[in-house]
Amino acid sequence: MSEGVARAAEDGREAAAGAGPLAAPARALAWLNDKIVVASMGTLILAALVLTLSVVMRYFLRIPTDWQDETSVFLLVGAIFMSAAYVQSYRGHVGIEALAGLLPRRLNAGRLLLVDLVSFLFTAFFSWKSWTLLREAVVEHQTTDSTWGPPLWIPYSTMAVGMTLLSLQILLQVATRLGRSEADR
């Protein structure tokens, strides 16, 4: 990991440990992310158990299961979206580092800030759209097209909350970086 990315990876957690106006929100978000990632781990295990049970029921017992695929997908969607802010707090998302070693430190910092700003705009839009999908699913009582037909508000709610938390995490990291940049001047 390059020096610039290593420094950027500290932004969200650094704000939580420090003082100033961002410390309390950063600590709250870090605490929430830590709880959510534990729940997401349990959700992944539950999805694996559901799929294993499905194989056993279909292959050995010849019992059809029409609920396990959607249940597994719902669990995986929840785990992925809900844990995204935790992953971002450690800069664990995929990033392209080819330029980091070639650019001067100051220019690389600007590149990282630009990437964070564009990421924030994208995740904020995705968050807003997820909230509109959730509202539609609740108001219109939307369900999946399967014979089981679970309500769509379930995956949409995890998408909306997860993307909102991810947007907040990125915004916190941008604000921390900008605050540190001003203090360095």
N, C-alpha and C. Protein backbone atom coordinates (compact mmCIF):
# COMPACT_ATOMS: atom_id res chain seq x y z
N MET A 1 0.85 -1.17 0.00
CA MET A 1 0.00 0.00 0.00
C MET A 1 0.89 1.23 0.00
N SER A 2 0.57 2.18 -0.87
CA SER A 2 1.39 3.38 -0.98
C SER A 2 1.23 4.26 0.25
N GLU A 3 2.18 5.18 0.41
CA GLU A 3 2.14 6.08 1.57
C GLU A 3 0.89 6.94 1.55
N GLY A 4 0.50 7.42 0.37
CA GLY A 4 -0.69 8.26 0.26
C GLY A 4 -1.95 7.53 0.65
N VAL A 5 -2.08 6.30 0.18
CA VAL A 5 -3.25 5.51 0.51
C VAL A 5 -3.21 5.10 1.99
N ALA A 6 -2.04 4.77 2.49
CA ALA A 6 -1.93 4.42 3.91
C ALA A 6 -2.36 5.59 4.78
N ARG A 7 -1.95 6.79 4.40
CA ARG A 7 -2.36 7.98 5.14
C ARG A 7 -3.85 8.21 5.00
N ALA A 8 -4.37 8.02 3.80
CA ALA A 8 -5.80 8.20 3.57
C ALA A 8 -6.62 7.17 4.34
N ALA A 9 -6.07 5.98 4.51
CA ALA A 9 -6.78 4.93 5.23
C ALA A 9 -6.98 5.28 6.69
N GLU A 10 -6.17 6.18 7.20
CA GLU A 10 -6.30 6.58 8.60
C GLU A 10 -7.33 7.67 8.80
N ASP A 11 -7.81 8.32 7.75
CA ASP A 11 -8.65 9.50 7.88
C ASP A 11 -9.89 9.28 8.74
N GLY A 12 -10.70 8.27 8.42
CA GLY A 12 -11.93 8.05 9.17
C GLY A 12 -11.67 7.65 10.60
N ARG A 13 -10.77 6.72 10.81
CA ARG A 13 -10.46 6.25 12.16
C ARG A 13 -9.67 7.31 12.94
N GLU A 14 -8.88 8.11 12.23
CA GLU A 14 -8.11 9.17 12.88
C GLU A 14 -9.04 10.23 13.47
N ALA A 15 -10.09 10.57 12.76
CA ALA A 15 -11.05 11.56 13.25
C ALA A 15 -11.73 11.05 14.51
N ALA A 16 -11.97 9.75 14.58
CA ALA A 16 -12.62 9.17 15.75
C ALA A 16 -11.72 9.23 16.97
N ALA A 17 -10.43 9.13 16.77
CA ALA A 17 -9.49 9.12 17.89
C ALA A 17 -9.12 10.53 18.34
N GLY A 18 -9.25 11.49 17.44
CA GLY A 18 -8.79 12.84 17.73
C GLY A 18 -9.82 13.69 18.46
N ALA A 19 -9.56 14.96 18.43
CA ALA A 19 -10.45 15.93 19.03
C ALA A 19 -11.02 16.80 17.91
N GLY A 20 -11.85 17.72 18.27
CA GLY A 20 -12.40 18.62 17.28
C GLY A 20 -13.83 18.27 16.94
N PRO A 21 -14.39 19.01 16.02
CA PRO A 21 -15.82 18.86 15.71
C PRO A 21 -16.17 17.52 15.06
N LEU A 22 -15.21 16.85 14.45
CA LEU A 22 -15.50 15.58 13.78
C LEU A 22 -15.32 14.36 14.68
N ALA A 23 -14.77 14.55 15.87
CA ALA A 23 -14.45 13.41 16.73
C ALA A 23 -15.69 12.63 17.17
N ALA A 24 -16.70 13.33 17.65
CA ALA A 24 -17.90 12.63 18.14
C ALA A 24 -18.64 11.89 17.03
N PRO A 25 -18.91 12.54 15.88
CA PRO A 25 -19.57 11.77 14.80
C PRO A 25 -18.70 10.62 14.30
N ALA A 26 -17.39 10.82 14.26
CA ALA A 26 -16.49 9.75 13.80
C ALA A 26 -16.51 8.57 14.76
N ARG A 27 -16.51 8.86 16.06
CA ARG A 27 -16.58 7.77 17.05
C ARG A 27 -17.90 7.03 16.95
N ALA A 28 -19.00 7.76 16.78
CA ALA A 28 -20.31 7.13 16.65
C ALA A 28 -20.39 6.24 15.41
N LEU A 29 -19.87 6.73 14.30
CA LEU A 29 -19.89 5.95 13.07
C LEU A 29 -18.98 4.73 13.18
N ALA A 30 -17.82 4.88 13.80
CA ALA A 30 -16.91 3.75 13.99
C ALA A 30 -17.55 2.70 14.89
N TRP A 31 -18.22 3.13 15.95
CA TRP A 31 -18.90 2.20 16.85
C TRP A 31 -20.00 1.44 16.09
N LEU A 32 -20.82 2.19 15.33
CA LEU A 32 -21.89 1.56 14.56
C LEU A 32 -21.34 0.60 13.51
N ASN A 33 -20.30 1.01 12.81
CA ASN A 33 -19.68 0.14 11.81
C ASN A 33 -19.16 -1.15 12.43
N ASP A 34 -18.56 -1.05 13.61
CA ASP A 34 -18.05 -2.24 14.28
C ASP A 34 -19.18 -3.22 14.63
N LYS A 35 -20.31 -2.70 15.07
CA LYS A 35 -21.46 -3.56 15.39
C LYS A 35 -22.05 -4.18 14.13
N ILE A 36 -22.16 -3.37 13.09
CA ILE A 36 -22.75 -3.86 11.84
C ILE A 36 -21.89 -4.94 11.20
N VAL A 37 -20.57 -4.80 11.24
CA VAL A 37 -19.72 -5.80 10.59
C VAL A 37 -19.82 -7.15 11.31
N VAL A 38 -20.02 -7.14 12.61
CA VAL A 38 -20.22 -8.41 13.34
C VAL A 38 -21.53 -9.05 12.91
N ALA A 39 -22.58 -8.24 12.81
CA ALA A 39 -23.87 -8.77 12.35
C ALA A 39 -23.76 -9.27 10.91
N SER A 40 -22.98 -8.58 10.08
CA SER A 40 -22.80 -9.00 8.68
C SER A 40 -22.08 -10.34 8.60
N MET A 41 -21.13 -10.56 9.50
CA MET A 41 -20.44 -11.86 9.53
C MET A 41 -21.44 -12.97 9.84
N GLY A 42 -22.30 -12.72 10.80
CA GLY A 42 -23.33 -13.70 11.14
C GLY A 42 -24.28 -13.94 9.98
N THR A 43 -24.59 -12.88 9.25
CA THR A 43 -25.47 -12.99 8.09
C THR A 43 -24.84 -13.84 6.99
N LEU A 44 -23.54 -13.69 6.78
CA LEU A 44 -22.85 -14.51 5.77
C LEU A 44 -22.89 -15.99 6.16
N ILE A 45 -22.69 -16.25 7.44
CA ILE A 45 -22.74 -17.64 7.92
C ILE A 45 -24.15 -18.20 7.74
N LEU A 46 -25.15 -17.39 8.06
CA LEU A 46 -26.54 -17.82 7.90
C LEU A 46 -26.86 -18.10 6.43
N ALA A 47 -26.37 -17.27 5.52
CA ALA A 47 -26.59 -17.51 4.08
C ALA A 47 -25.96 -18.83 3.66
N ALA A 48 -24.77 -19.12 4.16
CA ALA A 48 -24.11 -20.39 3.82
C ALA A 48 -24.91 -21.57 4.37
N LEU A 49 -25.43 -21.43 5.57
CA LEU A 49 -26.25 -22.51 6.15
C LEU A 49 -27.53 -22.73 5.36
N VAL A 50 -28.17 -21.65 4.94
CA VAL A 50 -29.40 -21.76 4.15
C VAL A 50 -29.13 -22.49 2.84
N LEU A 51 -28.03 -22.13 2.17
CA LEU A 51 -27.71 -22.80 0.91
C LEU A 51 -27.34 -24.27 1.12
N THR A 52 -26.64 -24.55 2.20
CA THR A 52 -26.29 -25.94 2.51
C THR A 52 -27.55 -26.75 2.80
N LEU A 53 -28.44 -26.18 3.59
CA LEU A 53 -29.71 -26.86 3.90
C LEU A 53 -30.50 -27.11 2.62
N SER A 54 -30.47 -26.16 1.73
CA SER A 54 -31.18 -26.31 0.46
C SER A 54 -30.66 -27.50 -0.34
N VAL A 55 -29.34 -27.62 -0.41
CA VAL A 55 -28.74 -28.74 -1.14
C VAL A 55 -29.13 -30.06 -0.51
N VAL A 56 -29.05 -30.13 0.80
CA VAL A 56 -29.41 -31.36 1.51
C VAL A 56 -30.89 -31.70 1.27
N MET A 57 -31.75 -30.70 1.39
CA MET A 57 -33.19 -30.94 1.21
C MET A 57 -33.51 -31.38 -0.21
N ARG A 58 -32.89 -30.78 -1.19
CA ARG A 58 -33.19 -31.12 -2.59
C ARG A 58 -32.55 -32.44 -3.02
N TYR A 59 -31.28 -32.63 -2.68
CA TYR A 59 -30.56 -33.79 -3.19
C TYR A 59 -30.90 -35.07 -2.42
N PHE A 60 -30.84 -34.99 -1.10
CA PHE A 60 -31.04 -36.21 -0.30
C PHE A 60 -32.49 -36.47 0.04
N LEU A 61 -33.25 -35.44 0.33
CA LEU A 61 -34.63 -35.63 0.77
C LEU A 61 -35.65 -35.42 -0.35
N ARG A 62 -35.19 -34.95 -1.48
CA ARG A 62 -36.05 -34.69 -2.64
C ARG A 62 -37.20 -33.73 -2.31
N ILE A 63 -36.91 -32.77 -1.45
CA ILE A 63 -37.90 -31.75 -1.07
C ILE A 63 -37.57 -30.47 -1.83
N PRO A 64 -38.51 -29.95 -2.60
CA PRO A 64 -38.21 -28.72 -3.33
C PRO A 64 -38.12 -27.51 -2.37
N THR A 65 -37.23 -26.64 -2.69
CA THR A 65 -37.11 -25.42 -1.90
C THR A 65 -37.17 -24.23 -2.85
N ASP A 66 -38.14 -23.39 -2.66
CA ASP A 66 -38.26 -22.22 -3.53
C ASP A 66 -37.94 -20.93 -2.78
N TRP A 67 -37.56 -21.05 -1.56
CA TRP A 67 -37.32 -19.87 -0.74
C TRP A 67 -35.84 -19.60 -0.51
N GLN A 68 -34.99 -20.62 -0.64
CA GLN A 68 -33.60 -20.50 -0.21
C GLN A 68 -32.79 -19.54 -1.07
N ASP A 69 -33.04 -19.50 -2.37
CA ASP A 69 -32.25 -18.62 -3.23
C ASP A 69 -32.48 -17.15 -2.86
N GLU A 70 -33.75 -16.77 -2.75
CA GLU A 70 -34.05 -15.38 -2.39
C GLU A 70 -33.60 -15.05 -0.98
N THR A 71 -33.75 -15.98 -0.08
CA THR A 71 -33.29 -15.75 1.29
C THR A 71 -31.79 -15.51 1.30
N SER A 72 -31.05 -16.33 0.58
CA SER A 72 -29.59 -16.17 0.52
C SER A 72 -29.20 -14.85 -0.13
N VAL A 73 -29.88 -14.49 -1.21
CA VAL A 73 -29.58 -13.23 -1.89
C VAL A 73 -29.87 -12.06 -0.96
N PHE A 74 -31.00 -12.08 -0.29
CA PHE A 74 -31.35 -11.01 0.65
C PHE A 74 -30.31 -10.88 1.75
N LEU A 75 -29.87 -12.02 2.29
CA LEU A 75 -28.86 -12.01 3.35
C LEU A 75 -27.53 -11.46 2.83
N LEU A 76 -27.14 -11.88 1.63
CA LEU A 76 -25.88 -11.40 1.05
C LEU A 76 -25.94 -9.92 0.70
N VAL A 77 -27.05 -9.47 0.15
CA VAL A 77 -27.21 -8.05 -0.16
C VAL A 77 -27.10 -7.23 1.12
N GLY A 78 -27.77 -7.70 2.17
CA GLY A 78 -27.69 -6.99 3.45
C GLY A 78 -26.27 -6.93 3.99
N ALA A 79 -25.58 -8.05 3.96
CA ALA A 79 -24.21 -8.09 4.49
C ALA A 79 -23.28 -7.18 3.69
N ILE A 80 -23.41 -7.21 2.39
CA ILE A 80 -22.52 -6.41 1.53
C ILE A 80 -22.76 -4.92 1.71
N PHE A 81 -24.00 -4.50 1.59
CA PHE A 81 -24.29 -3.07 1.69
C PHE A 81 -24.07 -2.54 3.09
N MET A 82 -24.47 -3.29 4.09
CA MET A 82 -24.35 -2.79 5.47
C MET A 82 -22.89 -2.70 5.93
N SER A 83 -22.03 -3.55 5.40
CA SER A 83 -20.63 -3.53 5.84
C SER A 83 -19.75 -2.62 4.98
N ALA A 84 -20.30 -1.98 3.97
CA ALA A 84 -19.51 -1.15 3.05
C ALA A 84 -18.83 0.01 3.77
N ALA A 85 -19.51 0.65 4.71
CA ALA A 85 -18.91 1.79 5.43
C ALA A 85 -17.74 1.32 6.29
N TYR A 86 -17.84 0.15 6.89
CA TYR A 86 -16.74 -0.40 7.69
C TYR A 86 -15.51 -0.61 6.80
N VAL A 87 -15.73 -1.22 5.64
CA VAL A 87 -14.62 -1.47 4.72
C VAL A 87 -13.99 -0.14 4.29
N GLN A 88 -14.84 0.86 4.01
CA GLN A 88 -14.33 2.16 3.61
C GLN A 88 -13.55 2.83 4.72
N SER A 89 -13.91 2.60 5.96
CA SER A 89 -13.20 3.23 7.08
C SER A 89 -11.74 2.79 7.14
N TYR A 90 -11.43 1.65 6.54
CA TYR A 90 -10.06 1.17 6.46
C TYR A 90 -9.50 1.26 5.05
N ARG A 91 -10.22 1.93 4.19
CA ARG A 91 -9.84 2.05 2.78
C ARG A 91 -9.64 0.68 2.15
N GLY A 92 -10.54 -0.24 2.47
CA GLY A 92 -10.41 -1.61 2.00
C GLY A 92 -11.03 -1.86 0.64
N HIS A 93 -11.67 -0.85 0.03
CA HIS A 93 -12.25 -1.04 -1.29
C HIS A 93 -11.15 -1.07 -2.34
N VAL A 94 -11.47 -1.65 -3.46
CA VAL A 94 -10.50 -1.77 -4.54
C VAL A 94 -10.12 -0.37 -5.02
N GLY A 95 -8.83 -0.16 -5.18
CA GLY A 95 -8.34 1.12 -5.67
C GLY A 95 -7.20 0.89 -6.64
N ILE A 96 -7.02 1.80 -7.55
CA ILE A 96 -5.94 1.70 -8.53
C ILE A 96 -4.77 2.52 -8.01
N GLU A 97 -3.65 1.87 -7.81
CA GLU A 97 -2.50 2.53 -7.20
C GLU A 97 -1.35 2.76 -8.18
N ALA A 98 -1.60 2.59 -9.47
CA ALA A 98 -0.53 2.76 -10.44
C ALA A 98 0.02 4.18 -10.43
N LEU A 99 -0.85 5.16 -10.22
CA LEU A 99 -0.41 6.56 -10.24
C LEU A 99 0.22 7.00 -8.93
N ALA A 100 -0.12 6.35 -7.84
CA ALA A 100 0.33 6.80 -6.52
C ALA A 100 1.85 6.89 -6.42
N GLY A 101 2.54 5.94 -6.97
CA GLY A 101 3.99 5.95 -6.89
C GLY A 101 4.66 6.91 -7.87
N LEU A 102 3.92 7.30 -8.89
CA LEU A 102 4.48 8.18 -9.92
C LEU A 102 4.27 9.66 -9.62
N LEU A 103 3.20 9.96 -8.90
CA LEU A 103 2.86 11.36 -8.65
C LEU A 103 3.59 11.92 -7.44
N PRO A 104 3.90 13.20 -7.46
CA PRO A 104 4.44 13.84 -6.25
C PRO A 104 3.40 13.76 -5.13
N ARG A 105 3.87 13.83 -3.90
CA ARG A 105 3.01 13.66 -2.72
C ARG A 105 1.81 14.60 -2.74
N ARG A 106 2.03 15.86 -3.01
CA ARG A 106 0.95 16.85 -2.99
C ARG A 106 -0.08 16.57 -4.09
N LEU A 107 0.39 16.21 -5.27
CA LEU A 107 -0.51 15.91 -6.38
C LEU A 107 -1.30 14.63 -6.10
N ASN A 108 -0.65 13.65 -5.49
CA ASN A 108 -1.33 12.41 -5.13
C ASN A 108 -2.41 12.68 -4.08
N ALA A 109 -2.14 13.57 -3.14
CA ALA A 109 -3.15 13.92 -2.14
C ALA A 109 -4.36 14.55 -2.82
N GLY A 110 -4.11 15.38 -3.82
CA GLY A 110 -5.21 15.97 -4.58
C GLY A 110 -6.00 14.93 -5.35
N ARG A 111 -5.28 13.97 -5.91
CA ARG A 111 -5.95 12.87 -6.63
C ARG A 111 -6.85 12.08 -5.69
N LEU A 112 -6.33 11.77 -4.50
CA LEU A 112 -7.13 11.02 -3.52
C LEU A 112 -8.36 11.81 -3.09
N LEU A 113 -8.21 13.10 -2.91
CA LEU A 113 -9.34 13.95 -2.54
C LEU A 113 -10.37 13.97 -3.66
N LEU A 114 -9.92 14.09 -4.89
CA LEU A 114 -10.83 14.08 -6.03
C LEU A 114 -11.59 12.75 -6.12
N VAL A 115 -10.88 11.66 -5.94
CA VAL A 115 -11.51 10.34 -5.97
C VAL A 115 -12.55 10.23 -4.85
N ASP A 116 -12.22 10.73 -3.67
CA ASP A 116 -13.17 10.70 -2.55
C ASP A 116 -14.40 11.55 -2.85
N LEU A 117 -14.21 12.70 -3.44
CA LEU A 117 -15.35 13.56 -3.77
C LEU A 117 -16.26 12.92 -4.81
N VAL A 118 -15.66 12.34 -5.84
CA VAL A 118 -16.46 11.65 -6.87
C VAL A 118 -17.16 10.44 -6.26
N SER A 119 -16.46 9.71 -5.40
CA SER A 119 -17.06 8.55 -4.73
C SER A 119 -18.23 8.99 -3.86
N PHE A 120 -18.05 10.10 -3.15
CA PHE A 120 -19.15 10.61 -2.32
C PHE A 120 -20.35 10.97 -3.18
N LEU A 121 -20.14 11.66 -4.29
CA LEU A 121 -21.26 12.03 -5.15
C LEU A 121 -21.99 10.79 -5.67
N PHE A 122 -21.23 9.78 -6.07
CA PHE A 122 -21.84 8.54 -6.56
C PHE A 122 -22.63 7.84 -5.45
N THR A 123 -22.02 7.68 -4.28
CA THR A 123 -22.70 6.96 -3.20
C THR A 123 -23.89 7.76 -2.66
N ALA A 124 -23.80 9.08 -2.67
CA ALA A 124 -24.93 9.90 -2.23
C ALA A 124 -26.10 9.73 -3.20
N PHE A 125 -25.81 9.71 -4.52
CA PHE A 125 -26.87 9.48 -5.50
C PHE A 125 -27.46 8.08 -5.33
N PHE A 126 -26.61 7.09 -5.18
CA PHE A 126 -27.06 5.70 -4.99
C PHE A 126 -27.90 5.60 -3.73
N SER A 127 -27.50 6.27 -2.69
CA SER A 127 -28.25 6.28 -1.43
C SER A 127 -29.63 6.87 -1.64
N TRP A 128 -29.67 8.04 -2.28
CA TRP A 128 -30.96 8.70 -2.54
C TRP A 128 -31.86 7.79 -3.36
N LYS A 129 -31.31 7.17 -4.40
CA LYS A 129 -32.11 6.29 -5.24
C LYS A 129 -32.61 5.07 -4.46
N SER A 130 -31.78 4.55 -3.58
CA SER A 130 -32.19 3.40 -2.75
C SER A 130 -33.34 3.77 -1.84
N TRP A 131 -33.29 4.98 -1.27
CA TRP A 131 -34.40 5.44 -0.42
C TRP A 131 -35.68 5.59 -1.23
N THR A 132 -35.59 6.06 -2.47
CA THR A 132 -36.80 6.17 -3.30
C THR A 132 -37.35 4.80 -3.65
N LEU A 133 -36.46 3.84 -3.94
CA LEU A 133 -36.91 2.47 -4.22
C LEU A 133 -37.57 1.86 -2.98
N LEU A 134 -36.99 2.11 -1.82
CA LEU A 134 -37.58 1.60 -0.57
C LEU A 134 -38.98 2.16 -0.37
N ARG A 135 -39.11 3.47 -0.56
CA ARG A 135 -40.42 4.11 -0.38
C ARG A 135 -41.45 3.49 -1.33
N GLU A 136 -41.08 3.33 -2.61
CA GLU A 136 -41.99 2.73 -3.59
C GLU A 136 -42.36 1.31 -3.19
N ALA A 137 -41.39 0.54 -2.73
CA ALA A 137 -41.66 -0.85 -2.35
C ALA A 137 -42.63 -0.92 -1.17
N VAL A 138 -42.50 0.00 -0.24
CA VAL A 138 -43.40 0.00 0.93
C VAL A 138 -44.79 0.47 0.53
N VAL A 139 -44.86 1.58 -0.17
CA VAL A 139 -46.15 2.17 -0.54
C VAL A 139 -46.94 1.25 -1.48
N GLU A 140 -46.24 0.65 -2.43
CA GLU A 140 -46.90 -0.19 -3.43
C GLU A 140 -46.95 -1.66 -3.06
N HIS A 141 -46.46 -2.00 -1.87
CA HIS A 141 -46.45 -3.40 -1.38
C HIS A 141 -45.79 -4.33 -2.41
N GLN A 142 -44.64 -3.93 -2.93
CA GLN A 142 -43.95 -4.71 -3.95
C GLN A 142 -43.34 -5.96 -3.34
N THR A 143 -43.40 -7.04 -4.12
CA THR A 143 -42.78 -8.30 -3.73
C THR A 143 -41.98 -8.83 -4.92
N THR A 144 -41.20 -9.86 -4.69
CA THR A 144 -40.49 -10.49 -5.79
C THR A 144 -41.48 -11.28 -6.63
N ASP A 145 -41.05 -11.73 -7.81
CA ASP A 145 -41.93 -12.47 -8.71
C ASP A 145 -41.95 -13.97 -8.45
N SER A 146 -41.28 -14.42 -7.42
CA SER A 146 -41.22 -15.86 -7.15
C SER A 146 -42.53 -16.34 -6.52
N THR A 147 -42.65 -17.65 -6.39
CA THR A 147 -43.85 -18.20 -5.74
C THR A 147 -43.88 -17.85 -4.27
N TRP A 148 -42.72 -17.68 -3.67
CA TRP A 148 -42.66 -17.29 -2.26
C TRP A 148 -43.04 -15.82 -2.10
N GLY A 149 -42.50 -14.94 -2.94
CA GLY A 149 -42.85 -13.54 -2.99
C GLY A 149 -42.56 -12.71 -1.75
N PRO A 150 -41.31 -12.71 -1.25
CA PRO A 150 -41.01 -11.86 -0.09
C PRO A 150 -41.05 -10.38 -0.49
N PRO A 151 -41.31 -9.51 0.47
CA PRO A 151 -41.39 -8.08 0.16
C PRO A 151 -40.03 -7.49 -0.22
N LEU A 152 -40.07 -6.58 -1.18
CA LEU A 152 -38.83 -5.97 -1.66
C LEU A 152 -38.30 -4.89 -0.72
N TRP A 153 -39.08 -4.49 0.27
CA TRP A 153 -38.56 -3.48 1.19
C TRP A 153 -37.38 -4.04 1.99
N ILE A 154 -37.29 -5.34 2.09
CA ILE A 154 -36.19 -5.94 2.87
C ILE A 154 -34.83 -5.65 2.24
N PRO A 155 -34.60 -6.02 0.98
CA PRO A 155 -33.28 -5.69 0.42
C PRO A 155 -33.10 -4.19 0.19
N TYR A 156 -34.18 -3.49 -0.18
CA TYR A 156 -34.06 -2.06 -0.42
C TYR A 156 -33.70 -1.30 0.85
N SER A 157 -34.17 -1.76 1.98
CA SER A 157 -33.84 -1.07 3.24
C SER A 157 -32.36 -1.24 3.57
N THR A 158 -31.81 -2.43 3.35
CA THR A 158 -30.38 -2.60 3.63
C THR A 158 -29.53 -1.83 2.63
N MET A 159 -29.99 -1.73 1.39
CA MET A 159 -29.27 -0.93 0.40
C MET A 159 -29.28 0.54 0.81
N ALA A 160 -30.44 1.04 1.21
CA ALA A 160 -30.56 2.46 1.56
C ALA A 160 -29.74 2.81 2.79
N VAL A 161 -29.86 2.02 3.82
CA VAL A 161 -29.10 2.30 5.05
C VAL A 161 -27.60 2.12 4.81
N GLY A 162 -27.22 1.04 4.13
CA GLY A 162 -25.81 0.78 3.87
C GLY A 162 -25.16 1.86 3.02
N MET A 163 -25.83 2.31 1.98
CA MET A 163 -25.26 3.35 1.13
C MET A 163 -25.23 4.70 1.84
N THR A 164 -26.20 4.95 2.70
CA THR A 164 -26.19 6.18 3.49
C THR A 164 -24.99 6.18 4.44
N LEU A 165 -24.75 5.06 5.10
CA LEU A 165 -23.60 4.96 5.99
C LEU A 165 -22.29 5.09 5.22
N LEU A 166 -22.23 4.50 4.04
CA LEU A 166 -21.02 4.61 3.21
C LEU A 166 -20.80 6.06 2.79
N SER A 167 -21.86 6.75 2.41
CA SER A 167 -21.75 8.17 2.05
C SER A 167 -21.25 8.99 3.22
N LEU A 168 -21.79 8.72 4.40
CA LEU A 168 -21.34 9.44 5.60
C LEU A 168 -19.88 9.16 5.90
N GLN A 169 -19.46 7.91 5.72
CA GLN A 169 -18.07 7.54 5.98
C GLN A 169 -17.13 8.29 5.03
N ILE A 170 -17.49 8.33 3.76
CA ILE A 170 -16.65 9.03 2.79
C ILE A 170 -16.64 10.52 3.09
N LEU A 171 -17.80 11.09 3.41
CA LEU A 171 -17.87 12.52 3.75
C LEU A 171 -17.01 12.83 4.96
N LEU A 172 -17.02 11.96 5.96
CA LEU A 172 -16.18 12.14 7.14
C LEU A 172 -14.70 12.11 6.77
N GLN A 173 -14.32 11.20 5.89
CA GLN A 173 -12.93 11.12 5.47
C GLN A 173 -12.52 12.36 4.67
N VAL A 174 -13.41 12.87 3.83
CA VAL A 174 -13.11 14.09 3.07
C VAL A 174 -12.94 15.27 4.03
N ALA A 175 -13.87 15.39 4.97
CA ALA A 175 -13.80 16.50 5.93
C ALA A 175 -12.54 16.41 6.79
N THR A 176 -12.16 15.22 7.19
CA THR A 176 -10.94 15.04 7.97
C THR A 176 -9.72 15.42 7.15
N ARG A 177 -9.68 15.00 5.89
CA ARG A 177 -8.55 15.33 5.01
C ARG A 177 -8.47 16.83 4.79
N LEU A 178 -9.61 17.47 4.54
CA LEU A 178 -9.60 18.92 4.32
C LEU A 178 -9.19 19.67 5.59
N GLY A 179 -9.67 19.20 6.74
CA GLY A 179 -9.29 19.81 8.02
C GLY A 179 -7.81 19.69 8.28
N ARG A 180 -7.26 18.52 7.96
CA ARG A 180 -5.83 18.31 8.14
C ARG A 180 -5.02 19.15 7.17
N SER A 181 -5.51 19.30 5.95
CA SER A 181 -4.81 20.10 4.94
C SER A 181 -4.72 21.56 5.38
N GLU A 182 -5.81 22.07 5.93
CA GLU A 182 -5.80 23.46 6.41
C GLU A 182 -4.88 23.63 7.59
N ALA A 183 -4.81 22.64 8.46
CA ALA A 183 -3.93 22.72 9.64
C ALA A 183 -2.46 22.63 9.22
N ASP A 184 -2.17 21.91 8.12
CA ASP A 184 -0.79 21.77 7.65
C ASP A 184 -0.24 23.04 7.00
N ARG A 185 -1.15 23.93 6.60
CA ARG A 185 -0.70 25.16 5.90
C ARG A 185 -0.10 26.16 6.83
